[in-house]
Amino acid sequence: MMIRTMTLVGALAAMALVGCNNGRSSDQASRARENLQDTTKNAQEDLASAKQNAADQVNDARQNLNETKQDAQKDVNETAQNGQQEIQEQRQDLNQARQNESATGGSGVAMASQSGTVLGTLTDMDTKSLTIKDSAGNEVELQRSGSTTVTQDGRSVSADQLQKGTEVRANYKVDKNGDKWAESVTLEAKPTTTP
């Protein structure tokens, strides 16, 4: 557009000069000058408008670029913050698991420092618990876990050796819920059968 405008200005200027040289009237020369001035003015306005449009486009592009940068930085910051929060939660979970592991000694059953021993007759039992009646007539229910050991005469024996009526000695720990967990059960004497 600018080249075409400049070409037009040049052509008009040439015509004006040629017209003057050919002896045309001064009136025609005057009109040619006015046309040349108008064309020059229009060309300058077109050029200024084109420059302004180009500057506006550059400014718009810069503004869009800055907004895009800000959005990208915001996304990066949010992602980093979420990642840090997730790492912190995983660390807390790991610490909690370690604390639970310490509290349970790896058995999955939380043990407190309270412990005891009961000596008496086995009155009831199943795969998860056993009940022992002591000499005072009190019944003590003990929970069993995979780590509960059963011995007789200093040797490990199968839990199948436990029978109702057997005299036993059981060592236990009390967990934070107050449940008693058998650590070891020793067979003292087998039940007597009367003929």
Foldseek 3Di string as FASTA:
>chain_A
DLVVLVVVLVVLVVVLVVCVVVPHDVVVNVVSVVVSVVSVVVSVVVVVVVVVVVVVVVVVVVVVVVVVVVVVVVVVVVVVVVVVVVVVVVVVVVVVVVVQCVQCVNQSAGFDPAKDKAWAFWADDDPFWTWGQGPVRDIAIATEGPQEFEEEPPHTDDPVQDDGGFTKMFIWTAGPVRHTHTNYIYGPGGHDDDD
